[in-house]
Amino acid sequence: MKWLELRVPPVVVLIAHAVGVWLLADGTISVAPWSSVPGVGGACLLVVGGLIAGVAVWQFRDSDTTVDPRRPEAPSTMVTGGVYRWTRNPMYLAFALLLAGWACLLGGGRGLMLVPVFMLYLSRFQIRPEERALEELFEAEYREYADRVRRWI
């Protein structure tokens, strides 16, 4: 299964899982009412996920390093401040929150089961190869960071 590593861009994995969540919600577009707990919770998860993703991308751009997940050997610097103090993968955490929010808006239930599947896929086929590349590039600096900051939260 190593051939799957870094092959599918994370945003494509997110979209595929979002479609899966929608299909598990019987393919309906009707969202949970805003006055319901799943509706409000879903909206909050979408907002928080969007904010985390925006801040994480901004921090990469501000540090003048790549945000392209298909080229983990390309970063010019390690970003360890801001949201990267709490999670090594804020963009992927944001994607998981967006997916969970989408599932809640569609009524939760079965769709939420795809969130851990999404996280497991990214951990195995995207994050681990990225971590190997970062350790090769930044050596002790990356190992110290990885010891200090958790992969997801």
N, C-alpha and C. Protein backbone atom coordinates (compact mmCIF):
# COMPACT_ATOMS: atom_id res chain seq x y z
N MET A 1 0.82 -1.21 0.00
CA MET A 1 0.00 0.00 0.00
C MET A 1 0.86 1.27 0.00
N LYS A 2 2.17 1.10 0.04
CA LYS A 2 3.06 2.25 0.05
C LYS A 2 2.88 3.13 -1.19
N TRP A 3 2.43 2.52 -2.29
CA TRP A 3 2.23 3.28 -3.53
C TRP A 3 1.16 4.35 -3.38
N LEU A 4 0.30 4.26 -2.37
CA LEU A 4 -0.73 5.27 -2.13
C LEU A 4 -0.19 6.51 -1.42
N GLU A 5 1.02 6.40 -0.85
CA GLU A 5 1.57 7.52 -0.10
C GLU A 5 1.75 8.74 -0.99
N LEU A 6 1.22 9.85 -0.52
CA LEU A 6 1.36 11.16 -1.18
C LEU A 6 0.77 11.19 -2.59
N ARG A 7 -0.08 10.25 -2.94
CA ARG A 7 -0.65 10.18 -4.29
C ARG A 7 -1.90 11.04 -4.45
N VAL A 8 -2.76 11.00 -3.44
CA VAL A 8 -4.05 11.70 -3.54
C VAL A 8 -3.97 12.96 -2.69
N PRO A 9 -4.12 14.13 -3.31
CA PRO A 9 -4.06 15.37 -2.53
C PRO A 9 -5.11 15.36 -1.40
N PRO A 10 -4.73 15.82 -0.21
CA PRO A 10 -5.65 15.79 0.93
C PRO A 10 -7.01 16.43 0.66
N VAL A 11 -7.04 17.48 -0.13
CA VAL A 11 -8.33 18.11 -0.42
C VAL A 11 -9.23 17.16 -1.23
N VAL A 12 -8.64 16.33 -2.07
CA VAL A 12 -9.42 15.34 -2.83
C VAL A 12 -9.93 14.26 -1.88
N VAL A 13 -9.11 13.86 -0.92
CA VAL A 13 -9.53 12.88 0.09
C VAL A 13 -10.70 13.47 0.89
N LEU A 14 -10.60 14.75 1.24
CA LEU A 14 -11.67 15.42 1.98
C LEU A 14 -12.97 15.42 1.16
N ILE A 15 -12.88 15.79 -0.10
CA ILE A 15 -14.08 15.84 -0.95
C ILE A 15 -14.70 14.45 -1.09
N ALA A 16 -13.87 13.42 -1.28
CA ALA A 16 -14.40 12.06 -1.39
C ALA A 16 -15.13 11.64 -0.12
N HIS A 17 -14.56 11.97 1.03
CA HIS A 17 -15.21 11.62 2.29
C HIS A 17 -16.48 12.46 2.50
N ALA A 18 -16.46 13.72 2.07
CA ALA A 18 -17.65 14.57 2.19
C ALA A 18 -18.79 14.00 1.35
N VAL A 19 -18.46 13.50 0.16
CA VAL A 19 -19.48 12.84 -0.67
C VAL A 19 -19.99 11.59 0.05
N GLY A 20 -19.07 10.82 0.66
CA GLY A 20 -19.48 9.65 1.42
C GLY A 20 -20.41 10.00 2.57
N VAL A 21 -20.11 11.09 3.27
CA VAL A 21 -20.98 11.55 4.36
C VAL A 21 -22.37 11.87 3.81
N TRP A 22 -22.40 12.56 2.68
CA TRP A 22 -23.67 12.93 2.05
C TRP A 22 -24.46 11.68 1.66
N LEU A 23 -23.77 10.69 1.08
CA LEU A 23 -24.44 9.45 0.68
C LEU A 23 -24.98 8.69 1.90
N LEU A 24 -24.21 8.70 2.99
CA LEU A 24 -24.68 8.05 4.22
C LEU A 24 -25.88 8.77 4.83
N ALA A 25 -26.04 10.03 4.45
CA ALA A 25 -27.21 10.80 4.91
C ALA A 25 -28.35 10.64 3.90
N ASP A 26 -28.30 9.53 3.15
CA ASP A 26 -29.31 9.21 2.14
C ASP A 26 -29.31 10.17 0.96
N GLY A 27 -28.19 10.85 0.74
CA GLY A 27 -28.07 11.73 -0.42
C GLY A 27 -28.98 12.93 -0.38
N THR A 28 -29.40 13.30 0.81
CA THR A 28 -30.27 14.48 0.92
C THR A 28 -29.43 15.72 1.16
N ILE A 29 -29.94 16.83 0.71
CA ILE A 29 -29.25 18.10 0.90
C ILE A 29 -29.85 18.87 2.07
N SER A 30 -31.02 18.47 2.54
CA SER A 30 -31.65 19.21 3.62
C SER A 30 -30.77 19.14 4.86
N VAL A 31 -30.39 20.29 5.34
CA VAL A 31 -29.52 20.34 6.50
C VAL A 31 -30.34 20.38 7.78
N ALA A 32 -29.70 19.98 8.86
CA ALA A 32 -30.36 20.01 10.17
C ALA A 32 -30.76 21.45 10.47
N PRO A 33 -31.91 21.65 11.06
CA PRO A 33 -32.34 23.02 11.38
C PRO A 33 -31.33 23.74 12.27
N TRP A 34 -31.16 25.03 12.03
CA TRP A 34 -30.20 25.82 12.79
C TRP A 34 -30.52 25.82 14.28
N SER A 35 -31.78 25.57 14.63
CA SER A 35 -32.14 25.57 16.04
C SER A 35 -31.82 24.23 16.71
N SER A 36 -31.38 23.23 15.92
CA SER A 36 -31.07 21.93 16.49
C SER A 36 -29.62 21.89 16.95
N VAL A 37 -29.34 20.99 17.89
CA VAL A 37 -27.97 20.82 18.37
C VAL A 37 -27.03 20.40 17.25
N PRO A 38 -27.40 19.41 16.41
CA PRO A 38 -26.49 19.05 15.31
C PRO A 38 -26.28 20.22 14.33
N GLY A 39 -27.30 20.99 14.07
CA GLY A 39 -27.17 22.12 13.14
C GLY A 39 -26.23 23.18 13.68
N VAL A 40 -26.41 23.57 14.92
CA VAL A 40 -25.55 24.59 15.53
C VAL A 40 -24.14 24.04 15.71
N GLY A 41 -24.04 22.80 16.18
CA GLY A 41 -22.73 22.18 16.34
C GLY A 41 -21.99 22.07 15.02
N GLY A 42 -22.71 21.67 13.98
CA GLY A 42 -22.10 21.57 12.66
C GLY A 42 -21.61 22.90 12.15
N ALA A 43 -22.42 23.94 12.33
CA ALA A 43 -22.02 25.27 11.89
C ALA A 43 -20.78 25.74 12.65
N CYS A 44 -20.73 25.47 13.95
CA CYS A 44 -19.56 25.86 14.75
C CYS A 44 -18.31 25.12 14.28
N LEU A 45 -18.43 23.82 14.01
CA LEU A 45 -17.29 23.04 13.53
C LEU A 45 -16.80 23.57 12.18
N LEU A 46 -17.73 23.96 11.31
CA LEU A 46 -17.34 24.51 10.01
C LEU A 46 -16.58 25.82 10.18
N VAL A 47 -17.05 26.68 11.06
CA VAL A 47 -16.39 27.97 11.29
C VAL A 47 -15.00 27.75 11.89
N VAL A 48 -14.92 26.93 12.93
CA VAL A 48 -13.63 26.68 13.58
C VAL A 48 -12.65 26.03 12.60
N GLY A 49 -13.12 25.04 11.86
CA GLY A 49 -12.28 24.38 10.87
C GLY A 49 -11.78 25.35 9.81
N GLY A 50 -12.67 26.21 9.34
CA GLY A 50 -12.27 27.21 8.34
C GLY A 50 -11.25 28.19 8.88
N LEU A 51 -11.44 28.62 10.12
CA LEU A 51 -10.49 29.55 10.74
C LEU A 51 -9.11 28.91 10.93
N ILE A 52 -9.09 27.68 11.42
CA ILE A 52 -7.81 26.99 11.63
C ILE A 52 -7.09 26.82 10.30
N ALA A 53 -7.82 26.40 9.27
CA ALA A 53 -7.20 26.21 7.95
C ALA A 53 -6.64 27.52 7.42
N GLY A 54 -7.41 28.59 7.55
CA GLY A 54 -6.95 29.89 7.08
C GLY A 54 -5.70 30.38 7.79
N VAL A 55 -5.69 30.25 9.10
CA VAL A 55 -4.53 30.67 9.88
C VAL A 55 -3.31 29.82 9.53
N ALA A 56 -3.50 28.51 9.39
CA ALA A 56 -2.38 27.61 9.08
C ALA A 56 -1.77 27.94 7.72
N VAL A 57 -2.61 28.16 6.73
CA VAL A 57 -2.11 28.52 5.39
C VAL A 57 -1.40 29.87 5.44
N TRP A 58 -1.99 30.83 6.14
CA TRP A 58 -1.38 32.15 6.27
C TRP A 58 0.01 32.04 6.92
N GLN A 59 0.13 31.20 7.95
CA GLN A 59 1.43 31.04 8.62
C GLN A 59 2.47 30.45 7.68
N PHE A 60 2.09 29.49 6.86
CA PHE A 60 3.03 28.92 5.88
C PHE A 60 3.45 29.99 4.88
N ARG A 61 2.49 30.73 4.37
CA ARG A 61 2.81 31.77 3.37
C ARG A 61 3.65 32.88 4.01
N ASP A 62 3.33 33.24 5.24
CA ASP A 62 4.09 34.28 5.94
C ASP A 62 5.54 33.83 6.17
N SER A 63 5.74 32.53 6.33
CA SER A 63 7.09 31.98 6.53
C SER A 63 7.77 31.68 5.20
N ASP A 64 7.09 32.00 4.11
CA ASP A 64 7.62 31.80 2.75
C ASP A 64 8.02 30.35 2.49
N THR A 65 7.11 29.45 2.87
CA THR A 65 7.34 28.03 2.61
C THR A 65 6.12 27.47 1.90
N THR A 66 6.25 26.30 1.32
CA THR A 66 5.20 25.73 0.48
C THR A 66 4.04 25.17 1.30
N VAL A 67 2.85 25.27 0.73
CA VAL A 67 1.68 24.63 1.33
C VAL A 67 1.28 23.39 0.52
N ASP A 68 2.06 23.05 -0.49
CA ASP A 68 1.76 21.91 -1.36
C ASP A 68 2.08 20.60 -0.65
N PRO A 69 1.05 19.82 -0.27
CA PRO A 69 1.28 18.59 0.48
C PRO A 69 1.86 17.46 -0.37
N ARG A 70 1.91 17.64 -1.69
CA ARG A 70 2.44 16.59 -2.56
C ARG A 70 3.96 16.64 -2.64
N ARG A 71 4.56 17.70 -2.07
CA ARG A 71 6.01 17.84 -2.12
C ARG A 71 6.57 18.08 -0.71
N PRO A 72 6.55 17.06 0.15
CA PRO A 72 7.00 17.26 1.54
C PRO A 72 8.50 17.53 1.67
N GLU A 73 9.23 17.33 0.60
CA GLU A 73 10.68 17.61 0.65
C GLU A 73 10.98 19.07 0.33
N ALA A 74 9.95 19.86 -0.03
CA ALA A 74 10.16 21.22 -0.51
C ALA A 74 10.16 22.33 0.54
N PRO A 75 9.71 22.12 1.78
CA PRO A 75 9.67 23.24 2.73
C PRO A 75 11.04 23.88 2.93
N SER A 76 11.03 25.19 3.02
CA SER A 76 12.28 25.92 3.24
C SER A 76 12.52 26.18 4.72
N THR A 77 11.46 26.05 5.51
CA THR A 77 11.57 26.31 6.94
C THR A 77 10.50 25.51 7.68
N MET A 78 10.72 25.29 8.97
CA MET A 78 9.70 24.67 9.80
C MET A 78 8.86 25.76 10.44
N VAL A 79 7.56 25.58 10.43
CA VAL A 79 6.65 26.50 11.09
C VAL A 79 6.21 25.82 12.38
N THR A 80 6.56 26.43 13.52
CA THR A 80 6.27 25.80 14.81
C THR A 80 5.50 26.71 15.76
N GLY A 81 5.20 27.92 15.34
CA GLY A 81 4.46 28.85 16.19
C GLY A 81 2.99 28.87 15.84
N GLY A 82 2.26 29.76 16.51
CA GLY A 82 0.83 29.90 16.22
C GLY A 82 0.08 28.60 16.43
N VAL A 83 -0.78 28.23 15.47
CA VAL A 83 -1.55 27.00 15.61
C VAL A 83 -0.67 25.76 15.59
N TYR A 84 0.54 25.90 15.07
CA TYR A 84 1.47 24.77 15.02
C TYR A 84 2.08 24.47 16.39
N ARG A 85 1.79 25.28 17.40
CA ARG A 85 2.21 24.97 18.77
C ARG A 85 1.31 23.91 19.39
N TRP A 86 0.07 23.77 18.86
CA TRP A 86 -0.90 22.84 19.44
C TRP A 86 -1.08 21.57 18.63
N THR A 87 -0.81 21.65 17.34
CA THR A 87 -0.95 20.49 16.48
C THR A 87 0.06 20.58 15.35
N ARG A 88 0.66 19.44 14.99
CA ARG A 88 1.62 19.45 13.89
C ARG A 88 0.92 19.53 12.55
N ASN A 89 -0.37 19.27 12.52
CA ASN A 89 -1.13 19.21 11.27
C ASN A 89 -2.42 20.01 11.35
N PRO A 90 -2.34 21.32 11.56
CA PRO A 90 -3.57 22.08 11.70
C PRO A 90 -4.44 22.09 10.44
N MET A 91 -3.84 22.00 9.27
CA MET A 91 -4.65 21.98 8.04
C MET A 91 -5.47 20.70 7.98
N TYR A 92 -4.87 19.58 8.35
CA TYR A 92 -5.59 18.31 8.31
C TYR A 92 -6.60 18.23 9.45
N LEU A 93 -6.26 18.79 10.59
CA LEU A 93 -7.22 18.87 11.69
C LEU A 93 -8.41 19.72 11.25
N ALA A 94 -8.14 20.82 10.57
CA ALA A 94 -9.22 21.68 10.05
C ALA A 94 -10.11 20.90 9.08
N PHE A 95 -9.49 20.10 8.21
CA PHE A 95 -10.28 19.28 7.28
C PHE A 95 -11.18 18.32 8.04
N ALA A 96 -10.66 17.70 9.10
CA ALA A 96 -11.46 16.76 9.90
C ALA A 96 -12.63 17.50 10.57
N LEU A 97 -12.38 18.71 11.05
CA LEU A 97 -13.46 19.50 11.66
C LEU A 97 -14.51 19.90 10.62
N LEU A 98 -14.06 20.27 9.43
CA LEU A 98 -14.99 20.60 8.35
C LEU A 98 -15.85 19.38 7.99
N LEU A 99 -15.23 18.22 7.91
CA LEU A 99 -15.97 17.00 7.59
C LEU A 99 -16.98 16.68 8.69
N ALA A 100 -16.57 16.82 9.94
CA ALA A 100 -17.48 16.56 11.06
C ALA A 100 -18.63 17.57 11.06
N GLY A 101 -18.32 18.84 10.76
CA GLY A 101 -19.37 19.85 10.67
C GLY A 101 -20.37 19.54 9.58
N TRP A 102 -19.87 19.11 8.42
CA TRP A 102 -20.72 18.73 7.29
C TRP A 102 -21.63 17.57 7.70
N ALA A 103 -21.05 16.57 8.39
CA ALA A 103 -21.84 15.42 8.83
C ALA A 103 -22.93 15.86 9.80
N CYS A 104 -22.59 16.76 10.71
CA CYS A 104 -23.60 17.25 11.67
C CYS A 104 -24.71 18.01 10.96
N LEU A 105 -24.34 18.82 9.99
CA LEU A 105 -25.37 19.58 9.26
C LEU A 105 -26.32 18.66 8.50
N LEU A 106 -25.80 17.51 8.08
CA LEU A 106 -26.64 16.55 7.37
C LEU A 106 -27.35 15.60 8.33
N GLY A 107 -27.23 15.85 9.61
CA GLY A 107 -27.95 15.04 10.57
C GLY A 107 -27.08 14.15 11.43
N GLY A 108 -25.76 14.19 11.21
CA GLY A 108 -24.84 13.42 12.07
C GLY A 108 -24.92 11.93 11.80
N GLY A 109 -25.05 11.19 12.87
CA GLY A 109 -25.22 9.75 12.76
C GLY A 109 -24.14 9.05 11.99
N ARG A 110 -24.57 8.33 10.97
CA ARG A 110 -23.66 7.47 10.19
C ARG A 110 -22.54 8.26 9.53
N GLY A 111 -22.81 9.47 9.09
CA GLY A 111 -21.80 10.27 8.41
C GLY A 111 -20.60 10.57 9.29
N LEU A 112 -20.82 10.72 10.59
CA LEU A 112 -19.71 11.00 11.51
C LEU A 112 -18.72 9.84 11.58
N MET A 113 -19.17 8.64 11.21
CA MET A 113 -18.26 7.48 11.23
C MET A 113 -17.12 7.64 10.23
N LEU A 114 -17.31 8.46 9.21
CA LEU A 114 -16.26 8.64 8.20
C LEU A 114 -15.15 9.57 8.66
N VAL A 115 -15.37 10.35 9.71
CA VAL A 115 -14.34 11.27 10.19
C VAL A 115 -13.10 10.50 10.67
N PRO A 116 -13.23 9.49 11.53
CA PRO A 116 -12.02 8.75 11.91
C PRO A 116 -11.40 7.98 10.73
N VAL A 117 -12.21 7.53 9.79
CA VAL A 117 -11.67 6.86 8.60
C VAL A 117 -10.81 7.85 7.81
N PHE A 118 -11.31 9.07 7.65
CA PHE A 118 -10.57 10.14 6.98
C PHE A 118 -9.24 10.39 7.70
N MET A 119 -9.30 10.49 9.02
CA MET A 119 -8.09 10.77 9.81
C MET A 119 -7.09 9.63 9.72
N LEU A 120 -7.57 8.40 9.74
CA LEU A 120 -6.67 7.24 9.62
C LEU A 120 -6.01 7.21 8.24
N TYR A 121 -6.78 7.49 7.19
CA TYR A 121 -6.21 7.52 5.84
C TYR A 121 -5.11 8.58 5.75
N LEU A 122 -5.42 9.81 6.20
CA LEU A 122 -4.42 10.87 6.13
C LEU A 122 -3.19 10.54 6.98
N SER A 123 -3.41 9.97 8.15
CA SER A 123 -2.27 9.63 9.01
C SER A 123 -1.34 8.65 8.31
N ARG A 124 -1.90 7.65 7.67
CA ARG A 124 -1.08 6.61 7.04
C ARG A 124 -0.46 7.04 5.71
N PHE A 125 -1.25 7.66 4.85
CA PHE A 125 -0.79 7.89 3.48
C PHE A 125 -0.31 9.32 3.20
N GLN A 126 -0.52 10.23 4.13
CA GLN A 126 -0.08 11.60 3.92
C GLN A 126 0.87 12.07 5.03
N ILE A 127 0.42 11.96 6.27
CA ILE A 127 1.18 12.54 7.37
C ILE A 127 2.47 11.78 7.64
N ARG A 128 2.42 10.46 7.71
CA ARG A 128 3.66 9.71 7.99
C ARG A 128 4.74 9.95 6.93
N PRO A 129 4.41 9.93 5.63
CA PRO A 129 5.44 10.25 4.64
C PRO A 129 5.96 11.69 4.77
N GLU A 130 5.06 12.62 5.10
CA GLU A 130 5.50 14.00 5.33
C GLU A 130 6.47 14.06 6.50
N GLU A 131 6.14 13.34 7.57
CA GLU A 131 7.00 13.35 8.76
C GLU A 131 8.38 12.78 8.45
N ARG A 132 8.43 11.71 7.66
CA ARG A 132 9.73 11.15 7.28
C ARG A 132 10.56 12.19 6.51
N ALA A 133 9.91 12.88 5.58
CA ALA A 133 10.61 13.90 4.79
C ALA A 133 11.08 15.05 5.66
N LEU A 134 10.25 15.49 6.59
CA LEU A 134 10.62 16.59 7.48
C LEU A 134 11.77 16.19 8.41
N GLU A 135 11.75 14.96 8.87
CA GLU A 135 12.84 14.50 9.74
C GLU A 135 14.15 14.45 8.94
N GLU A 136 14.06 14.06 7.70
CA GLU A 136 15.25 14.03 6.86
C GLU A 136 15.78 15.44 6.61
N LEU A 137 14.88 16.39 6.39
CA LEU A 137 15.27 17.77 6.11
C LEU A 137 15.78 18.51 7.34
N PHE A 138 15.05 18.39 8.44
CA PHE A 138 15.32 19.22 9.61
C PHE A 138 15.90 18.47 10.80
N GLU A 139 16.05 17.16 10.68
CA GLU A 139 16.71 16.29 11.65
C GLU A 139 16.28 16.53 13.09
N ALA A 140 17.21 16.92 13.95
CA ALA A 140 16.93 17.05 15.39
C ALA A 140 15.87 18.10 15.67
N GLU A 141 15.84 19.16 14.89
CA GLU A 141 14.84 20.21 15.09
C GLU A 141 13.43 19.63 14.94
N TYR A 142 13.23 18.80 13.92
CA TYR A 142 11.92 18.20 13.72
C TYR A 142 11.61 17.18 14.82
N ARG A 143 12.58 16.35 15.18
CA ARG A 143 12.35 15.35 16.24
C ARG A 143 11.94 16.01 17.55
N GLU A 144 12.61 17.12 17.89
CA GLU A 144 12.26 17.84 19.12
C GLU A 144 10.83 18.39 19.02
N TYR A 145 10.50 18.95 17.89
CA TYR A 145 9.15 19.48 17.66
C TYR A 145 8.11 18.36 17.76
N ALA A 146 8.39 17.22 17.12
CA ALA A 146 7.46 16.09 17.14
C ALA A 146 7.29 15.53 18.55
N ASP A 147 8.32 15.58 19.36
CA ASP A 147 8.22 15.13 20.75
C ASP A 147 7.38 16.10 21.58
N ARG A 148 7.39 17.36 21.21
CA ARG A 148 6.72 18.40 21.98
C ARG A 148 5.26 18.61 21.57
N VAL A 149 4.95 18.40 20.29
CA VAL A 149 3.62 18.73 19.77
C VAL A 149 2.97 17.48 19.18
N ARG A 150 1.73 17.25 19.51
CA ARG A 150 1.01 16.06 19.04
C ARG A 150 0.67 16.16 17.56
N ARG A 151 0.46 15.01 16.94
CA ARG A 151 0.16 14.94 15.52
C ARG A 151 -1.18 15.62 15.19
N TRP A 152 -2.21 15.30 15.93
CA TRP A 152 -3.54 15.87 15.64
C TRP A 152 -3.88 16.96 16.67
N ILE A 153 -4.14 16.59 17.91
CA ILE A 153 -4.41 17.59 18.96
C ILE A 153 -3.91 17.05 20.29
